[in-house]
Protein backbone atom coordinates (compact mmCIF):
# COMPACT_ATOMS: atom_id res chain seq x y z
CA UNK A 1 31.26 5.39 -3.73
CA UNK A 2 33.61 6.39 -6.55
CA UNK A 3 31.67 8.07 -9.32
CA UNK A 4 32.06 6.61 -12.77
CA UNK A 5 33.31 9.19 -15.26
CA UNK A 6 31.31 9.84 -18.39
CA UNK A 7 33.11 8.15 -21.25
CA UNK A 8 33.10 9.02 -24.94
CA UNK A 9 31.14 5.83 -25.54
CA UNK A 10 28.46 6.94 -23.08
CA UNK A 11 28.04 10.28 -24.84
CA UNK A 12 28.36 9.15 -28.43
CA UNK A 13 26.62 5.79 -28.59
CA UNK A 14 22.80 6.15 -28.34
CA UNK A 15 22.55 2.49 -27.41
CA UNK A 16 24.54 3.15 -24.23
CA UNK A 17 22.50 4.94 -21.54
CA UNK A 18 24.17 7.92 -19.93
CA UNK A 19 25.13 7.62 -16.29
CA UNK A 20 22.53 9.33 -14.10
CA UNK A 21 23.47 10.76 -10.72
CA UNK A 22 20.51 10.81 -8.33
CA UNK A 23 20.47 12.29 -4.83
CA UNK A 24 18.22 10.42 -2.41
CA UNK A 25 16.94 12.80 0.27
CA UNK A 26 15.91 11.07 3.50
CA UNK A 27 14.05 12.15 6.63
CA UNK A 28 14.95 11.27 10.21
CA UNK A 29 13.09 7.93 10.23
CA UNK A 30 13.17 7.08 6.53
CA UNK A 31 15.68 4.26 6.75
CA UNK A 32 14.26 2.88 9.99
CA UNK A 33 10.95 2.45 8.16
CA UNK A 34 11.93 1.67 4.60
CA UNK A 35 15.56 0.47 4.45
CA UNK A 36 14.41 -3.07 3.66
CA UNK A 37 12.62 -1.67 0.58
CA UNK A 38 15.33 0.80 -0.45
CA UNK A 39 18.35 -1.51 -0.18
CA UNK A 40 17.48 -3.72 -3.19
CA UNK A 41 16.62 -0.59 -5.18
CA UNK A 42 20.00 1.00 -4.51
CA UNK A 43 21.73 -2.21 -5.61
CA UNK A 44 19.54 -2.67 -8.68
CA UNK A 45 20.02 0.90 -9.90
CA UNK A 46 23.74 0.22 -10.33
CA UNK A 47 22.86 -2.15 -13.18
CA UNK A 48 20.69 0.58 -14.70
CA UNK A 49 23.60 3.06 -14.80
CA UNK A 50 22.22 5.14 -11.93
CA UNK A 51 24.66 6.38 -9.31
CA UNK A 52 22.99 7.15 -5.96
CA UNK A 53 24.17 9.59 -3.29
CA UNK A 54 22.17 9.39 -0.06
CA UNK A 55 21.63 12.58 1.97
CA UNK A 56 20.57 11.48 5.44
CA UNK A 57 19.95 13.58 8.61
CA UNK A 58 21.37 11.24 11.24
CA UNK A 59 25.08 10.26 11.20
CA UNK A 60 24.18 6.57 11.29
CA UNK A 61 20.73 6.92 9.82
CA UNK A 62 21.66 5.21 6.57
CA UNK A 63 23.49 2.40 8.37
CA UNK A 64 21.18 -0.26 6.86
CA UNK A 65 22.65 0.70 3.45
CA UNK A 66 26.20 0.06 4.68
CA UNK A 67 26.45 -3.04 2.48
CA UNK A 68 25.40 -1.06 -0.59
CA UNK A 69 28.22 0.68 -2.50
CA UNK A 70 26.66 4.15 -2.51
CA UNK A 71 27.92 7.40 -1.03
CA UNK A 72 26.22 8.70 2.13
CA UNK A 73 26.33 12.42 2.94
CA UNK A 74 25.15 14.13 6.11
CA UNK A 75 22.31 16.66 6.01
CA UNK A 76 20.50 18.39 8.88
CA UNK A 77 17.09 17.31 10.09
CA UNK A 78 14.36 19.63 8.81
CA UNK A 79 11.63 20.80 11.20
CA UNK A 80 8.04 21.46 10.25
CA UNK A 81 8.75 25.13 9.42
CA UNK A 82 11.20 24.09 6.72
CA UNK A 83 14.97 24.26 6.18
CA UNK A 84 17.02 27.38 6.90
CA UNK A 85 18.48 29.29 3.95
CA UNK A 86 22.07 28.60 4.99
CA UNK A 87 21.35 24.88 5.19
CA UNK A 88 19.81 24.84 1.72
CA UNK A 89 22.68 26.77 0.18
CA UNK A 90 25.25 24.50 1.79
CA UNK A 91 23.55 21.34 0.52
CA UNK A 92 22.97 22.90 -2.90
CA UNK A 93 26.72 23.38 -3.16
CA UNK A 94 27.25 19.71 -2.30
CA UNK A 95 24.80 18.69 -5.01
CA UNK A 96 26.54 20.84 -7.61
CA UNK A 97 29.93 19.48 -6.59
CA UNK A 98 28.68 15.92 -7.09
CA UNK A 99 27.09 16.83 -10.45
CA UNK A 100 23.68 15.53 -9.38
CA UNK A 101 21.07 15.25 -12.16
CA UNK A 102 17.92 14.66 -10.12
CA UNK A 103 16.58 14.66 -6.55
CA UNK A 104 14.41 11.95 -5.02
CA UNK A 105 12.57 12.58 -1.73
CA UNK A 106 12.36 9.07 -0.31
CA UNK A 107 9.20 9.77 1.71
CA UNK A 108 6.98 12.65 2.75
CA UNK A 109 9.28 13.66 5.62
CA UNK A 110 11.94 14.71 3.09
CA UNK A 111 9.58 16.64 0.81
CA UNK A 112 10.16 20.17 2.17
CA UNK A 113 13.93 19.92 2.04
CA UNK A 114 13.85 18.38 -1.44
CA UNK A 115 11.60 21.16 -2.75
CA UNK A 116 13.93 23.80 -1.30
CA UNK A 117 16.98 22.13 -2.84
CA UNK A 118 15.26 21.91 -6.21
CA UNK A 119 14.52 25.64 -6.14
CA UNK A 120 18.12 26.41 -5.20
CA UNK A 121 19.70 24.20 -7.87
CA UNK A 122 17.13 24.12 -10.67
CA UNK A 123 17.14 20.32 -10.51
CA UNK A 124 13.99 18.27 -11.09
CA UNK A 125 12.74 16.01 -8.32
CA UNK A 126 10.43 13.10 -7.66
CA UNK A 127 8.70 12.33 -4.39
CA UNK A 128 7.68 9.00 -2.84
CA UNK A 129 4.45 8.64 -0.85
CA UNK A 130 3.49 5.69 1.36
CA UNK A 131 0.58 7.08 3.37
CA UNK A 132 -3.03 8.09 2.78
CA UNK A 133 -2.37 11.16 4.93
CA UNK A 134 0.25 12.50 2.53
CA UNK A 135 -2.53 13.97 0.39
CA UNK A 136 -3.09 16.58 3.11
CA UNK A 137 0.52 16.94 4.27
CA UNK A 138 2.49 17.32 1.05
CA UNK A 139 0.94 20.36 -0.59
CA UNK A 140 3.39 22.58 -2.49
CA UNK A 141 6.32 20.09 -2.65
CA UNK A 142 4.11 17.47 -4.30
CA UNK A 143 2.46 19.87 -6.74
CA UNK A 144 5.85 20.98 -8.07
CA UNK A 145 7.39 17.49 -8.28
CA UNK A 146 8.02 15.96 -11.67
CA UNK A 147 6.29 12.86 -10.33
CA UNK A 148 4.77 11.65 -7.09
CA UNK A 149 5.31 7.91 -6.63
CA UNK A 150 2.49 6.23 -4.73
CA UNK A 151 3.42 3.02 -2.90
CA UNK A 152 -0.06 1.51 -3.37
CA UNK A 153 -3.21 2.08 -5.39
CA UNK A 154 -5.18 3.44 -2.37
CA UNK A 155 -2.39 5.96 -1.75
CA UNK A 156 -2.47 6.99 -5.41
CA UNK A 157 -6.24 7.50 -5.27
CA UNK A 158 -5.92 9.56 -2.08
CA UNK A 159 -3.27 11.78 -3.67
CA UNK A 160 -5.43 12.37 -6.74
CA UNK A 161 -8.57 13.10 -4.73
CA UNK A 162 -6.53 15.48 -2.56
CA UNK A 163 -5.65 17.58 -5.60
CA UNK A 164 -1.95 16.78 -5.56
CA UNK A 165 -1.69 16.69 -9.34
CA UNK A 166 -3.00 15.21 -12.59
CA UNK A 167 -3.06 11.48 -13.22
CA UNK A 168 0.12 11.50 -15.29
CA UNK A 169 2.03 13.14 -12.41
CA UNK A 170 0.83 10.79 -9.66
CA UNK A 171 2.16 7.34 -10.55
CA UNK A 172 1.83 3.94 -8.95
CA UNK A 173 5.19 2.35 -8.13
CA UNK A 174 4.75 -0.54 -5.74
CA UNK A 175 7.64 -1.32 -3.37
CA UNK A 176 9.67 -4.34 -4.34
CA UNK A 177 10.70 -7.07 -1.89
CA UNK A 178 12.76 -10.21 -2.31
CA UNK A 179 10.77 -13.29 -1.35
CA UNK A 180 11.37 -16.91 -0.49
CA UNK A 181 10.42 -19.58 -2.99
CA UNK A 182 8.14 -21.58 -0.72
CA UNK A 183 6.35 -21.19 2.62
CA UNK A 184 8.49 -21.36 5.75
CA UNK A 185 5.72 -21.76 8.34
CA UNK A 186 5.22 -24.85 10.53
CA UNK A 187 8.35 -26.55 9.22
CA UNK A 188 9.59 -27.52 12.68
CA UNK A 189 6.92 -29.73 14.28
CA UNK A 190 9.08 -30.24 17.38
CA UNK A 191 9.02 -26.50 18.12
CA UNK A 192 6.18 -24.43 19.53
CA UNK A 193 4.33 -22.42 16.89
CA UNK A 194 5.50 -18.80 16.90
CA UNK A 195 2.67 -16.28 16.45
CA UNK A 196 3.67 -12.64 16.01
CA UNK A 197 1.38 -9.60 16.13
CA UNK A 198 2.87 -6.30 15.04
CA UNK A 199 2.34 -2.66 14.27
CA UNK A 200 2.39 0.69 16.06
CA UNK A 201 1.07 0.16 19.60
CA UNK A 202 -1.52 2.94 19.56
CA UNK A 203 -4.88 1.20 19.10
CA UNK A 204 -5.60 -0.29 22.52
CA UNK A 205 -8.81 -2.05 21.50
CA UNK A 206 -7.23 -3.80 18.51
CA UNK A 207 -4.22 -5.10 20.43
CA UNK A 208 -6.31 -5.98 23.49
CA UNK A 209 -8.29 -8.30 21.21
CA UNK A 210 -5.01 -9.90 20.15
CA UNK A 211 -4.02 -10.46 23.77
CA UNK A 212 -7.39 -11.99 24.61
CA UNK A 213 -7.07 -14.29 21.60
CA UNK A 214 -3.58 -15.34 22.67
CA UNK A 215 -4.86 -16.02 26.20
CA UNK A 216 -7.67 -18.19 24.84
CA UNK A 217 -5.25 -20.23 22.71
CA UNK A 218 -3.02 -20.74 25.75
CA UNK A 219 -6.05 -21.81 27.81
CA UNK A 220 -6.90 -24.39 25.14
CA UNK A 221 -3.35 -25.77 25.44
CA UNK A 222 -2.23 -24.94 21.90
CA UNK A 223 1.55 -25.29 21.79
CA UNK A 224 2.39 -21.68 20.96
CA UNK A 225 4.68 -18.83 21.89
CA UNK A 226 3.47 -15.28 21.27
CA UNK A 227 5.19 -12.03 20.40
CA UNK A 228 4.07 -8.42 20.18
CA UNK A 229 6.41 -6.44 17.90
CA UNK A 230 6.17 -2.69 18.03
CA UNK A 231 6.16 0.36 20.24
CA UNK A 232 3.82 3.21 20.96
CA UNK A 233 1.77 5.06 23.55
CA UNK A 234 -0.35 2.00 24.44
CA UNK A 235 2.60 -0.27 25.25
CA UNK A 236 2.49 0.07 29.05
CA UNK A 237 -1.25 -0.47 29.15
CA UNK A 238 -0.95 -3.55 26.95
CA UNK A 239 1.83 -4.97 29.10
CA UNK A 240 -0.39 -4.63 32.17
CA UNK A 241 -3.25 -6.26 30.28
CA UNK A 242 -1.02 -9.20 29.35
CA UNK A 243 -0.21 -9.71 33.03
CA UNK A 244 -3.93 -9.62 33.90
CA UNK A 245 -4.52 -12.34 31.28
CA UNK A 246 -1.66 -14.43 32.76
CA UNK A 247 0.25 -14.37 29.49
CA UNK A 248 3.64 -13.55 30.99
CA UNK A 249 5.16 -17.02 30.48
CA UNK A 250 3.89 -17.26 26.90
CA UNK A 251 4.29 -13.70 25.57
CA UNK A 252 7.27 -11.48 24.69
CA UNK A 253 7.10 -7.78 23.85
CA UNK A 254 9.82 -6.54 21.51
CA UNK A 255 10.50 -3.25 19.74
CA UNK A 256 11.77 -4.15 16.29
CA UNK A 257 13.43 -0.95 15.10
CA UNK A 258 14.54 -0.56 12.38
CA UNK A 259 12.03 -2.66 10.50
CA UNK A 260 14.79 -4.28 8.46
CA UNK A 261 15.44 -6.56 11.44
CA UNK A 262 12.09 -8.21 10.82
CA UNK A 263 13.45 -10.25 7.93
CA UNK A 264 15.46 -12.37 10.34
CA UNK A 265 12.65 -12.59 12.88
CA UNK A 266 10.14 -13.82 10.33
CA UNK A 267 12.40 -16.75 9.46
CA UNK A 268 11.38 -18.27 12.80
CA UNK A 269 7.71 -17.17 12.66
CA UNK A 270 4.73 -19.35 11.78
CA UNK A 271 1.89 -16.79 11.70
CA UNK A 272 1.83 -12.98 11.54
CA UNK A 273 -1.13 -10.91 12.75
CA UNK A 274 -1.69 -7.31 11.65
CA UNK A 275 -4.50 -6.18 14.00
CA UNK A 276 -4.94 -2.57 12.82
CA UNK A 277 -6.10 -1.25 9.44
CA UNK A 278 -3.12 0.93 8.58
CA UNK A 279 -3.19 4.22 6.69
CA UNK A 280 0.43 3.75 5.59
CA UNK A 281 1.92 0.90 3.58
CA UNK A 282 2.22 -2.00 6.04
CA UNK A 283 5.86 -2.95 5.60
CA UNK A 284 5.66 -5.56 8.37
CA UNK A 285 2.92 -7.53 6.63
CA UNK A 286 4.69 -7.22 3.28
CA UNK A 287 7.89 -8.63 4.77
CA UNK A 288 5.98 -11.43 6.51
CA UNK A 289 4.43 -12.51 3.21
CA UNK A 290 7.81 -12.29 1.47
CA UNK A 291 9.29 -14.49 4.21
CA UNK A 292 6.72 -17.22 3.55
CA UNK A 293 4.59 -16.59 6.65
CA UNK A 294 0.75 -16.63 6.50
CA UNK A 295 -0.85 -13.34 7.53
CA UNK A 296 -4.07 -12.57 9.39
CA UNK A 297 -5.00 -8.93 8.86
CA UNK A 298 -7.69 -6.60 10.17
CA UNK A 299 -10.41 -6.25 7.55
CA UNK A 300 -10.37 -2.97 5.66
CA UNK A 301 -8.09 -1.92 2.82
CA UNK A 302 -6.48 1.16 4.36
CA UNK A 303 -3.35 1.84 2.35
CA UNK A 304 -2.67 -1.81 1.61
CA UNK A 305 -4.12 -3.27 -1.55
CA UNK A 306 -1.80 -6.27 -1.26
CA UNK A 307 -3.75 -7.62 1.75
CA UNK A 308 -6.40 -9.62 -0.13
CA UNK A 309 -8.70 -11.85 1.87
CA UNK A 310 -8.26 -15.49 0.92
CA UNK A 311 -5.42 -14.77 -1.51
CA UNK A 312 -2.62 -13.12 0.45
CA UNK A 313 -4.14 -12.94 3.95
CA UNK A 314 -7.07 -14.03 6.09
CA UNK A 315 -9.08 -11.07 7.32
CA UNK A 316 -10.90 -10.63 10.62
CA UNK A 317 -12.94 -7.81 12.12
CA UNK A 318 -10.69 -5.34 13.97
CA UNK A 319 -11.04 -5.78 17.72
CA UNK A 320 -12.93 -9.09 17.42
CA UNK A 321 -11.00 -11.49 19.67
CA UNK A 322 -13.43 -14.37 19.11
CA UNK A 323 -13.10 -14.27 15.31
CA UNK A 324 -9.34 -13.94 15.50
CA UNK A 325 -9.16 -16.93 17.83
CA UNK A 326 -11.24 -19.07 15.49
CA UNK A 327 -9.03 -18.23 12.52
CA UNK A 328 -5.77 -18.67 14.39
CA UNK A 329 -6.94 -22.03 15.75
CA UNK A 330 -7.89 -23.10 12.22
CA UNK A 331 -4.33 -22.42 11.04
CA UNK A 332 -2.85 -24.26 14.01
CA UNK A 333 -5.10 -27.24 13.30
CA UNK A 334 -4.47 -27.28 9.53
CA UNK A 335 -0.87 -26.62 8.59
CA UNK A 336 -1.52 -27.50 4.95
CA UNK A 337 -4.13 -24.78 4.62
CA UNK A 338 -1.80 -22.23 6.23
CA UNK A 339 1.00 -23.16 3.84
CA UNK A 340 -1.38 -22.93 0.88
CA UNK A 341 -2.29 -19.37 1.85
CA UNK A 342 1.39 -18.46 2.25
CA UNK A 343 2.17 -19.97 -1.15
CA UNK A 344 -0.61 -17.96 -2.82
CA UNK A 345 0.64 -14.79 -1.13
CA UNK A 346 4.22 -15.40 -2.29
CA UNK A 347 2.97 -15.74 -5.86
CA UNK A 348 1.08 -12.45 -5.58
CA UNK A 349 4.17 -10.68 -4.24
CA UNK A 350 6.25 -12.18 -7.05
CA UNK A 351 3.87 -10.80 -9.67
CA UNK A 352 3.18 -7.38 -8.13
CA UNK A 353 6.11 -6.41 -5.89
CA UNK A 354 9.18 -7.39 -7.89
CA UNK A 355 12.33 -5.40 -6.98
CA UNK A 356 13.53 -5.73 -10.58
CA UNK A 357 10.35 -4.21 -12.00
CA UNK A 358 10.53 -1.39 -9.43
CA UNK A 359 14.16 -0.62 -10.31
CA UNK A 360 13.58 -0.58 -14.08
CA UNK A 361 10.53 1.65 -13.68
CA UNK A 362 12.38 4.05 -11.39
CA UNK A 363 15.42 4.29 -13.66
CA UNK A 364 13.14 4.97 -16.64
CA UNK A 365 11.35 7.71 -14.70
CA UNK A 366 14.67 9.31 -13.70
CA UNK A 367 15.80 9.49 -17.33
CA UNK A 368 12.41 10.65 -18.56
CA UNK A 369 12.36 13.45 -15.97
CA UNK A 370 15.89 14.59 -16.81
CA UNK A 371 15.07 14.46 -20.53
CA UNK A 372 11.95 16.57 -20.11
CA UNK A 373 13.90 19.21 -18.21
CA UNK A 374 16.60 19.29 -20.90
CA UNK A 375 13.95 19.73 -23.59
CA UNK A 376 12.61 22.87 -21.90
CA UNK A 377 15.98 24.57 -21.29
């Protein structure tokens, strides 16, 4: 991306905000997990006079941002022991050359590198957190950040209780997602209902309950096709279990990676099931709601305060195949009720996960952080 030069008007007119140059620091999997959330932010920041340069470990790691007019620079992947001195110095030189004002670690995996770059350049930095476990993992990088941006209220509470920093440092900034205007489920009565269950395939009991529920619906002759979206250590075992339950002709396993591909998949979905209480922000469920699809979610808040029983999702006890079957059958028998839930969820997302609100808040924080640094130097 060609950087916009500072103009006399920018410097002299207080009504005209100064161009801010922010470096986004990514980890190996950052864009696989969060590109669908970061893409509208990168676009929106252009209107807020924020120029973004993305530092990404993998050569094609930032490929989902290809349609966004921002510069992408290569940086090495950082192991658990932290970045090497030569790596930090090389990247620090790149930051100085690009006249970067501020660093932004896009998730916890980029925290160590971002902290090292901040020490080498004297630049302030902010850090994004999407997981309850970050309270134990982040440590020094979070305590020295100008702000830690929690992706949900449970994550913010976990960071505070973990001693990451004072309340004014740990801030809630919910991810923004574009959403459809009206529910998209059960709009094609001539087609079989598409029921998708997704998440990391690690909890055998939770996903086994999903498979047993799917098998029961097939036995009752509901006109459905089923999908399991995800990958993980339990995948082989779950595939064998699906064969035991004679689901082969009704069920498809698919690894949807990166998660940005889900937006297209959900356009053809009628119900989404999140069978595991997740300790990280459940991007899959958020995208399903934004796509107009009703969600059934394992009961328990985890990191996801947007999964609200009766308002944005229908909850069921994790691992309870019988309860899940009852609630799935109720949706399949009452399309109007399913659409009503989806409509309520869309309204909640509109009010609480607006990309525009996220962008304005982030741009304000960038300028506030830069201003505070200038005031102390």
